[in-house]
Amino acid sequence: MRVLSNLKPWVLALSLACMGAAQAAPDVSLEVTHKSSVLGADGIQRSTLFTERVVRQGDSVWIERVMPAGAHQDDEHAKAKVGAAKDHKHADLSAATRWIQRLPDGKLRFRLVAMHDEVVVDIAPAEYATVGFDGAWLAAYHLIDPAVLKTLKAGDSTPQGQWFENTKGRNAVRVLWDAKREMPLQVLSQGANGNRSTTVKVLNTAVKNPWDVTKKFAQKDYSDFLD
């Protein structure tokens, strides 16, 4: 630690973060909004917008999609019960909550939680890619892998955090990093075919153990939905 003590504060924070969160970051409850506008090869400009509620608590991360009114029709689920033989594929996993835990041995346990269907689905590492999970704990825990900051240049400091950026080349990236919470507050990227942004709002009301709701849910393996 004597060597690190001579570093600037933001460098010290980055160094600690890149050690793999040797010291646990603070628990947080967040509202994370993702926006993108991308021009496809077919000449069509496509825009997306969605929001997630994220709870980071201890060695667990809970990422729950915020569903606008009318986006998920409850009557579709009233027609079938998950667990019945003919309906065992019914659970909708496309917008399922992601529940990621780092176990004492360093391995991950990854589950999808279908809230409407009240079912928890264990995902084996071999199936991560199938459901769009890259298996990166640091990226889930910090929202982005802190190592990304090493590739960027330190910019302006603000009361909220430190800007890091790379504006050279075809792709420009800017990250507003909150060193205290060890996470970004904004991630902005601009490329030749469009732009993407992630905006993080820290919620004042902490959500304690959001996964407690799953205690009465049905427990399944992803393989149950493949046959």
C-alpha atoms as a PDB file:
ATOM      1  CA  MET A   1       0.000   0.000   0.000  1.00  0.00           C
ATOM      2  CA  ARG A   2       2.999   2.298   0.471  1.00  0.00           C
ATOM      3  CA  VAL A   3       3.493   2.405  -3.305  1.00  0.00           C
ATOM      4  CA  LEU A   4      -0.137   3.240  -3.954  1.00  0.00           C
ATOM      5  CA  SER A   5      -0.177   6.024  -1.375  1.00  0.00           C
ATOM      6  CA  ASN A   6       1.694   8.343  -3.751  1.00  0.00           C
ATOM      7  CA  LEU A   7      -0.903   8.045  -6.499  1.00  0.00           C
ATOM      8  CA  LYS A   8      -3.578  10.604  -7.272  1.00  0.00           C
ATOM      9  CA  PRO A   9      -6.979   9.771  -5.705  1.00  0.00           C
ATOM     10  CA  TRP A  10      -8.667   8.698  -8.955  1.00  0.00           C
ATOM     11  CA  VAL A  11      -5.671   6.547  -9.905  1.00  0.00           C
ATOM     12  CA  LEU A  12      -5.742   4.897  -6.486  1.00  0.00           C
ATOM     13  CA  ALA A  13      -9.472   4.193  -6.793  1.00  0.00           C
ATOM     14  CA  LEU A  14      -8.981   2.727 -10.252  1.00  0.00           C
ATOM     15  CA  SER A  15      -6.070   0.579  -9.066  1.00  0.00           C
ATOM     16  CA  LEU A  16      -8.132  -0.868  -6.240  1.00  0.00           C
ATOM     17  CA  ALA A  17     -11.114  -1.502  -8.515  1.00  0.00           C
ATOM     18  CA  CYS A  18      -8.992  -3.309 -11.065  1.00  0.00           C
ATOM     19  CA  MET A  19      -7.731  -5.675  -8.373  1.00  0.00           C
ATOM     20  CA  GLY A  20     -11.078  -7.409  -8.666  1.00  0.00           C
ATOM     21  CA  ALA A  21     -12.849  -5.527  -5.909  1.00  0.00           C
ATOM     22  CA  ALA A  22     -10.421  -6.702  -3.209  1.00  0.00           C
ATOM     23  CA  GLN A  23     -12.369  -4.425  -0.880  1.00  0.00           C
ATOM     24  CA  ALA A  24     -16.105  -4.792  -1.394  1.00  0.00           C
ATOM     25  CA  ALA A  25     -17.792  -1.809  -2.978  1.00  0.00           C
ATOM     26  CA  PRO A  26     -20.773  -0.239  -1.181  1.00  0.00           C
ATOM     27  CA  ASP A  27     -24.192  -1.827  -1.569  1.00  0.00           C
ATOM     28  CA  VAL A  28     -26.327   0.196  -3.983  1.00  0.00           C
ATOM     29  CA  SER A  29     -29.822   0.347  -5.461  1.00  0.00           C
ATOM     30  CA  LEU A  30     -29.894   1.822  -8.941  1.00  0.00           C
ATOM     31  CA  GLU A  31     -32.104   2.728 -11.861  1.00  0.00           C
ATOM     32  CA  VAL A  32     -30.173   2.164 -15.090  1.00  0.00           C
ATOM     33  CA  THR A  33     -31.504   3.461 -18.419  1.00  0.00           C
ATOM     34  CA  HIS A  34     -30.106   2.256 -21.739  1.00  0.00           C
ATOM     35  CA  LYS A  35     -30.653   4.106 -25.013  1.00  0.00           C
ATOM     36  CA  SER A  36     -29.348   3.390 -28.493  1.00  0.00           C
ATOM     37  CA  SER A  37     -29.875   4.589 -32.037  1.00  0.00           C
ATOM     38  CA  VAL A  38     -28.187   2.496 -34.725  1.00  0.00           C
ATOM     39  CA  LEU A  39     -28.303   2.705 -38.510  1.00  0.00           C
ATOM     40  CA  GLY A  40     -28.573  -0.762 -39.997  1.00  0.00           C
ATOM     41  CA  ALA A  41     -27.100  -2.013 -43.255  1.00  0.00           C
ATOM     42  CA  ASP A  42     -30.639  -1.913 -44.632  1.00  0.00           C
ATOM     43  CA  GLY A  43     -30.775   1.873 -44.160  1.00  0.00           C
ATOM     44  CA  ILE A  44     -33.225   1.714 -41.249  1.00  0.00           C
ATOM     45  CA  GLN A  45     -32.479   3.686 -38.088  1.00  0.00           C
ATOM     46  CA  ARG A  46     -33.470   1.614 -35.071  1.00  0.00           C
ATOM     47  CA  SER A  47     -33.855   3.061 -31.600  1.00  0.00           C
ATOM     48  CA  THR A  48     -34.137   1.181 -28.328  1.00  0.00           C
ATOM     49  CA  LEU A  49     -34.909   2.334 -24.796  1.00  0.00           C
ATOM     50  CA  PHE A  50     -35.260   0.265 -21.642  1.00  0.00           C
ATOM     51  CA  THR A  51     -34.690   0.642 -17.922  1.00  0.00           C
ATOM     52  CA  GLU A  52     -33.462  -1.789 -15.292  1.00  0.00           C
ATOM     53  CA  ARG A  53     -33.431  -1.728 -11.520  1.00  0.00           C
ATOM     54  CA  VAL A  54     -30.123  -2.991 -10.198  1.00  0.00           C
ATOM     55  CA  VAL A  55     -29.363  -4.022  -6.636  1.00  0.00           C
ATOM     56  CA  ARG A  56     -25.758  -4.794  -5.677  1.00  0.00           C
ATOM     57  CA  GLN A  57     -25.577  -6.314  -2.237  1.00  0.00           C
ATOM     58  CA  GLY A  58     -22.613  -8.233  -0.886  1.00  0.00           C
ATOM     59  CA  ASP A  59     -21.638 -10.831  -3.460  1.00  0.00           C
ATOM     60  CA  SER A  60     -24.996 -10.686  -5.267  1.00  0.00           C
ATOM     61  CA  VAL A  61     -26.281  -8.591  -8.156  1.00  0.00           C
ATOM     62  CA  TRP A  62     -29.986  -8.418  -9.062  1.00  0.00           C
ATOM     63  CA  ILE A  63     -30.895  -6.895 -12.450  1.00  0.00           C
ATOM     64  CA  GLU A  64     -34.646  -6.507 -12.998  1.00  0.00           C
ATOM     65  CA  ARG A  65     -36.215  -5.099 -16.151  1.00  0.00           C
ATOM     66  CA  VAL A  66     -38.696  -2.281 -15.582  1.00  0.00           C
ATOM     67  CA  MET A  67     -41.772  -3.270 -17.564  1.00  0.00           C
ATOM     68  CA  PRO A  68     -43.907  -0.369 -18.852  1.00  0.00           C
ATOM     69  CA  ALA A  69     -47.669  -0.724 -18.564  1.00  0.00           C
ATOM     70  CA  GLY A  70     -49.029  -3.028 -21.249  1.00  0.00           C
ATOM     71  CA  ALA A  71     -45.654  -4.528 -22.128  1.00  0.00           C
ATOM     72  CA  HIS A  72     -46.410  -7.849 -20.455  1.00  0.00           C
ATOM     73  CA  GLN A  73     -49.922  -9.217 -20.687  1.00  0.00           C
ATOM     74  CA  ASP A  74     -50.868 -10.983 -17.470  1.00  0.00           C
ATOM     75  CA  ASP A  75     -53.816 -12.759 -19.113  1.00  0.00           C
ATOM     76  CA  GLU A  76     -51.394 -14.761 -21.243  1.00  0.00           C
ATOM     77  CA  HIS A  77     -49.998 -16.294 -18.069  1.00  0.00           C
ATOM     78  CA  ALA A  78     -53.369 -16.887 -16.450  1.00  0.00           C
ATOM     79  CA  LYS A  79     -54.069 -19.575 -19.054  1.00  0.00           C
ATOM     80  CA  ALA A  80     -51.279 -21.882 -17.957  1.00  0.00           C
ATOM     81  CA  LYS A  81     -49.425 -22.935 -14.861  1.00  0.00           C
ATOM     82  CA  VAL A  82     -45.684 -23.412 -15.023  1.00  0.00           C
ATOM     83  CA  GLY A  83     -44.862 -26.960 -13.972  1.00  0.00           C
ATOM     84  CA  ALA A  84     -47.686 -28.695 -15.810  1.00  0.00           C
ATOM     85  CA  ALA A  85     -46.258 -31.192 -18.275  1.00  0.00           C
ATOM     86  CA  LYS A  86     -47.809 -29.603 -21.350  1.00  0.00           C
ATOM     87  CA  ASP A  87     -46.882 -26.085 -20.258  1.00  0.00           C
ATOM     88  CA  HIS A  88     -43.346 -26.588 -18.927  1.00  0.00           C
ATOM     89  CA  LYS A  89     -41.905 -24.366 -21.691  1.00  0.00           C
ATOM     90  CA  HIS A  90     -44.323 -21.538 -20.998  1.00  0.00           C
ATOM     91  CA  ALA A  91     -42.124 -19.376 -18.748  1.00  0.00           C
ATOM     92  CA  ASP A  92     -41.117 -16.159 -20.522  1.00  0.00           C
ATOM     93  CA  LEU A  93     -37.358 -15.717 -20.076  1.00  0.00           C
ATOM     94  CA  SER A  94     -36.876 -12.941 -22.647  1.00  0.00           C
ATOM     95  CA  ALA A  95     -37.209 -10.189 -20.036  1.00  0.00           C
ATOM     96  CA  ALA A  96     -36.379 -12.275 -16.974  1.00  0.00           C
ATOM     97  CA  THR A  97     -34.547 -10.806 -14.012  1.00  0.00           C
ATOM     98  CA  ARG A  98     -30.859 -11.750 -13.834  1.00  0.00           C
ATOM     99  CA  TRP A  99     -29.606 -12.936 -10.465  1.00  0.00           C
ATOM    100  CA  ILE A 100     -25.830 -13.298 -10.272  1.00  0.00           C
ATOM    101  CA  GLN A 101     -23.936 -14.517  -7.216  1.00  0.00           C
ATOM    102  CA  ARG A 102     -20.237 -14.944  -6.609  1.00  0.00           C
ATOM    103  CA  LEU A 103     -19.715 -18.017  -4.451  1.00  0.00           C
ATOM    104  CA  PRO A 104     -16.995 -18.364  -1.788  1.00  0.00           C
ATOM    105  CA  ASP A 105     -14.836 -20.392  -4.205  1.00  0.00           C
ATOM    106  CA  GLY A 106     -14.991 -17.572  -6.781  1.00  0.00           C
ATOM    107  CA  LYS A 107     -17.324 -19.379  -9.147  1.00  0.00           C
ATOM    108  CA  LEU A 108     -20.581 -17.793 -10.270  1.00  0.00           C
ATOM    109  CA  ARG A 109     -24.140 -18.923  -9.874  1.00  0.00           C
ATOM    110  CA  PHE A 110     -26.385 -17.384 -12.527  1.00  0.00           C
ATOM    111  CA  ARG A 111     -30.168 -17.607 -12.491  1.00  0.00           C
ATOM    112  CA  LEU A 112     -33.011 -16.156 -14.513  1.00  0.00           C
ATOM    113  CA  VAL A 113     -36.131 -15.205 -12.562  1.00  0.00           C
ATOM    114  CA  ALA A 114     -39.414 -15.084 -14.478  1.00  0.00           C
ATOM    115  CA  MET A 115     -41.414 -12.886 -12.121  1.00  0.00           C
ATOM    116  CA  HIS A 116     -44.824 -13.324 -13.775  1.00  0.00           C
ATOM    117  CA  ASP A 117     -44.415 -17.079 -13.966  1.00  0.00           C
ATOM    118  CA  GLU A 118     -42.905 -17.338 -10.478  1.00  0.00           C
ATOM    119  CA  VAL A 119     -40.083 -19.596 -11.577  1.00  0.00           C
ATOM    120  CA  VAL A 120     -36.309 -19.481 -11.005  1.00  0.00           C
ATOM    121  CA  VAL A 121     -34.156 -21.045 -13.715  1.00  0.00           C
ATOM    122  CA  ASP A 122     -30.592 -22.135 -12.952  1.00  0.00           C
ATOM    123  CA  ILE A 123     -28.262 -21.532 -15.898  1.00  0.00           C
ATOM    124  CA  ALA A 124     -25.176 -23.732 -16.230  1.00  0.00           C
ATOM    125  CA  PRO A 125     -21.942 -22.084 -17.463  1.00  0.00           C
ATOM    126  CA  ALA A 126     -22.186 -24.008 -20.738  1.00  0.00           C
ATOM    127  CA  GLU A 127     -25.496 -22.239 -21.395  1.00  0.00           C
ATOM    128  CA  TYR A 128     -24.413 -18.682 -20.540  1.00  0.00           C
ATOM    129  CA  ALA A 129     -23.907 -17.645 -24.166  1.00  0.00           C
ATOM    130  CA  THR A 130     -27.321 -19.010 -25.113  1.00  0.00           C
ATOM    131  CA  VAL A 131     -29.054 -16.584 -22.746  1.00  0.00           C
ATOM    132  CA  GLY A 132     -26.709 -13.659 -23.471  1.00  0.00           C
ATOM    133  CA  PHE A 133     -24.563 -13.702 -20.323  1.00  0.00           C
ATOM    134  CA  ASP A 134     -20.794 -13.362 -20.773  1.00  0.00           C
ATOM    135  CA  GLY A 135     -19.896 -14.752 -17.352  1.00  0.00           C
ATOM    136  CA  ALA A 136     -17.975 -11.579 -16.391  1.00  0.00           C
ATOM    137  CA  TRP A 137     -18.423 -10.939 -12.664  1.00  0.00           C
ATOM    138  CA  LEU A 138     -16.645  -7.560 -12.610  1.00  0.00           C
ATOM    139  CA  ALA A 139     -18.824  -6.207 -15.421  1.00  0.00           C
ATOM    140  CA  ALA A 140     -21.964  -7.285 -13.545  1.00  0.00           C
ATOM    141  CA  TYR A 141     -20.737  -6.025 -10.168  1.00  0.00           C
ATOM    142  CA  HIS A 142     -19.460  -2.622 -11.382  1.00  0.00           C
ATOM    143  CA  LEU A 143     -21.826  -2.288 -14.414  1.00  0.00           C
ATOM    144  CA  ILE A 144     -18.697  -2.153 -16.581  1.00  0.00           C
ATOM    145  CA  ASP A 145     -15.353  -3.876 -16.064  1.00  0.00           C
ATOM    146  CA  PRO A 146     -13.151  -1.247 -14.334  1.00  0.00           C
ATOM    147  CA  ALA A 147     -10.252  -2.410 -16.518  1.00  0.00           C
ATOM    148  CA  VAL A 148     -11.930  -0.508 -19.366  1.00  0.00           C
ATOM    149  CA  LEU A 149     -10.855   2.722 -17.682  1.00  0.00           C
ATOM    150  CA  LYS A 150      -7.212   1.805 -18.236  1.00  0.00           C
ATOM    151  CA  THR A 151      -7.799   2.203 -21.968  1.00  0.00           C
ATOM    152  CA  LEU A 152      -9.218   5.729 -21.550  1.00  0.00           C
ATOM    153  CA  LYS A 153      -7.706   9.103 -20.762  1.00  0.00           C
ATOM    154  CA  ALA A 154      -8.633  10.919 -17.561  1.00  0.00           C
ATOM    155  CA  GLY A 155     -10.695  14.019 -18.243  1.00  0.00           C
ATOM    156  CA  ASP A 156     -12.540  16.596 -16.169  1.00  0.00           C
ATOM    157  CA  SER A 157     -13.500  16.006 -12.556  1.00  0.00           C
ATOM    158  CA  THR A 158     -17.029  16.870 -11.415  1.00  0.00           C
ATOM    159  CA  PRO A 159     -18.807  16.706  -8.048  1.00  0.00           C
ATOM    160  CA  GLN A 160     -20.340  13.439  -9.255  1.00  0.00           C
ATOM    161  CA  GLY A 161     -17.156  11.739 -10.433  1.00  0.00           C
ATOM    162  CA  GLN A 162     -14.257  11.607 -12.887  1.00  0.00           C
ATOM    163  CA  TRP A 163     -14.636  11.561 -16.672  1.00  0.00           C
ATOM    164  CA  PHE A 164     -12.566   9.100 -18.688  1.00  0.00           C
ATOM    165  CA  GLU A 165     -12.649   9.267 -22.475  1.00  0.00           C
ATOM    166  CA  ASN A 166     -11.281   8.209 -25.811  1.00  0.00           C
ATOM    167  CA  THR A 167     -12.379  10.517 -28.613  1.00  0.00           C
ATOM    168  CA  LYS A 168      -9.878   9.330 -31.211  1.00  0.00           C
ATOM    169  CA  GLY A 169     -10.681   6.992 -34.063  1.00  0.00           C
ATOM    170  CA  ARG A 170     -14.097   5.986 -35.353  1.00  0.00           C
ATOM    171  CA  ASN A 171     -15.558   5.157 -31.944  1.00  0.00           C
ATOM    172  CA  ALA A 172     -15.703   7.749 -29.174  1.00  0.00           C
ATOM    173  CA  VAL A 173     -16.273   6.615 -25.584  1.00  0.00           C
ATOM    174  CA  ARG A 174     -16.844   8.680 -22.441  1.00  0.00           C
ATOM    175  CA  VAL A 175     -17.351   7.288 -18.946  1.00  0.00           C
ATOM    176  CA  LEU A 176     -18.294   9.260 -15.824  1.00  0.00           C
ATOM    177  CA  TRP A 177     -16.861   7.128 -13.016  1.00  0.00           C
ATOM    178  CA  ASP A 178     -18.035   7.290  -9.395  1.00  0.00           C
ATOM    179  CA  ALA A 179     -14.936   6.146  -7.461  1.00  0.00           C
ATOM    180  CA  LYS A 180     -16.775   5.986  -4.131  1.00  0.00           C
ATOM    181  CA  ARG A 181     -19.366   3.514  -5.389  1.00  0.00           C
ATOM    182  CA  GLU A 182     -17.001   1.943  -7.951  1.00  0.00           C
ATOM    183  CA  MET A 183     -19.355   2.229 -10.891  1.00  0.00           C
ATOM    184  CA  PRO A 184     -20.162   4.501 -13.835  1.00  0.00           C
ATOM    185  CA  LEU A 185     -22.854   7.153 -13.684  1.00  0.00           C
ATOM    186  CA  GLN A 186     -22.804   7.607 -17.456  1.00  0.00           C
ATOM    187  CA  VAL A 187     -21.386   5.631 -20.364  1.00  0.00           C
ATOM    188  CA  LEU A 188     -21.578   7.347 -23.763  1.00  0.00           C
ATOM    189  CA  SER A 189     -20.380   5.897 -27.058  1.00  0.00           C
ATOM    190  CA  GLN A 190     -20.560   7.322 -30.569  1.00  0.00           C
ATOM    191  CA  GLY A 191     -19.702   5.325 -33.670  1.00  0.00           C
ATOM    192  CA  ALA A 192     -20.034   5.683 -37.414  1.00  0.00           C
ATOM    193  CA  ASN A 193     -23.447   3.992 -37.427  1.00  0.00           C
ATOM    194  CA  GLY A 194     -25.030   5.302 -34.254  1.00  0.00           C
ATOM    195  CA  ASN A 195     -24.758   6.030 -30.582  1.00  0.00           C
ATOM    196  CA  ARG A 196     -25.442   4.367 -27.240  1.00  0.00           C
ATOM    197  CA  SER A 197     -25.813   5.693 -23.735  1.00  0.00           C
ATOM    198  CA  THR A 198     -26.254   4.281 -20.258  1.00  0.00           C
ATOM    199  CA  THR A 199     -27.387   6.585 -17.458  1.00  0.00           C
ATOM    200  CA  VAL A 200     -27.314   5.482 -13.822  1.00  0.00           C
ATOM    201  CA  LYS A 201     -29.495   6.994 -11.107  1.00  0.00           C
ATOM    202  CA  VAL A 202     -28.702   6.132  -7.481  1.00  0.00           C
ATOM    203  CA  LEU A 203     -31.935   5.458  -5.583  1.00  0.00           C
ATOM    204  CA  ASN A 204     -32.220   6.817  -2.061  1.00  0.00           C
ATOM    205  CA  THR A 205     -34.362   3.897  -0.905  1.00  0.00           C
ATOM    206  CA  ALA A 206     -32.332   0.708  -0.605  1.00  0.00           C
ATOM    207  CA  VAL A 207     -33.991  -2.552  -1.622  1.00  0.00           C
ATOM    208  CA  LYS A 208     -33.052  -5.235   0.882  1.00  0.00           C
ATOM    209  CA  ASN A 209     -32.676  -8.761  -0.461  1.00  0.00           C
ATOM    210  CA  PRO A 210     -34.944  -8.440  -3.539  1.00  0.00           C
ATOM    211  CA  TRP A 211     -34.376 -12.163  -4.193  1.00  0.00           C
ATOM    212  CA  ASP A 212     -36.371 -13.073  -1.082  1.00  0.00           C
ATOM    213  CA  VAL A 213     -39.453 -12.986  -3.292  1.00  0.00           C
ATOM    214  CA  THR A 214     -38.191 -16.134  -5.036  1.00  0.00           C
ATOM    215  CA  LYS A 215     -38.353 -18.377  -1.958  1.00  0.00           C
ATOM    216  CA  LYS A 216     -41.780 -19.688  -2.979  1.00  0.00           C
ATOM    217  CA  PHE A 217     -41.040 -19.790  -6.710  1.00  0.00           C
ATOM    218  CA  ALA A 218     -40.661 -23.033  -8.658  1.00  0.00           C
ATOM    219  CA  GLN A 219     -37.017 -24.057  -9.181  1.00  0.00           C
ATOM    220  CA  LYS A 220     -35.939 -25.325 -12.602  1.00  0.00           C
ATOM    221  CA  ASP A 221     -32.881 -25.933 -14.752  1.00  0.00           C
ATOM    222  CA  TYR A 222     -32.537 -24.346 -18.181  1.00  0.00           C
ATOM    223  CA  SER A 223     -32.409 -27.817 -19.711  1.00  0.00           C
ATOM    224  CA  ASP A 224     -36.069 -28.249 -18.697  1.00  0.00           C
ATOM    225  CA  PHE A 225     -36.982 -25.754 -21.435  1.00  0.00           C
ATOM    226  CA  LEU A 226     -34.928 -27.319 -24.225  1.00  0.00           C
ATOM    227  CA  ASP A 227     -36.620 -30.656 -24.927  1.00  0.00           C
END
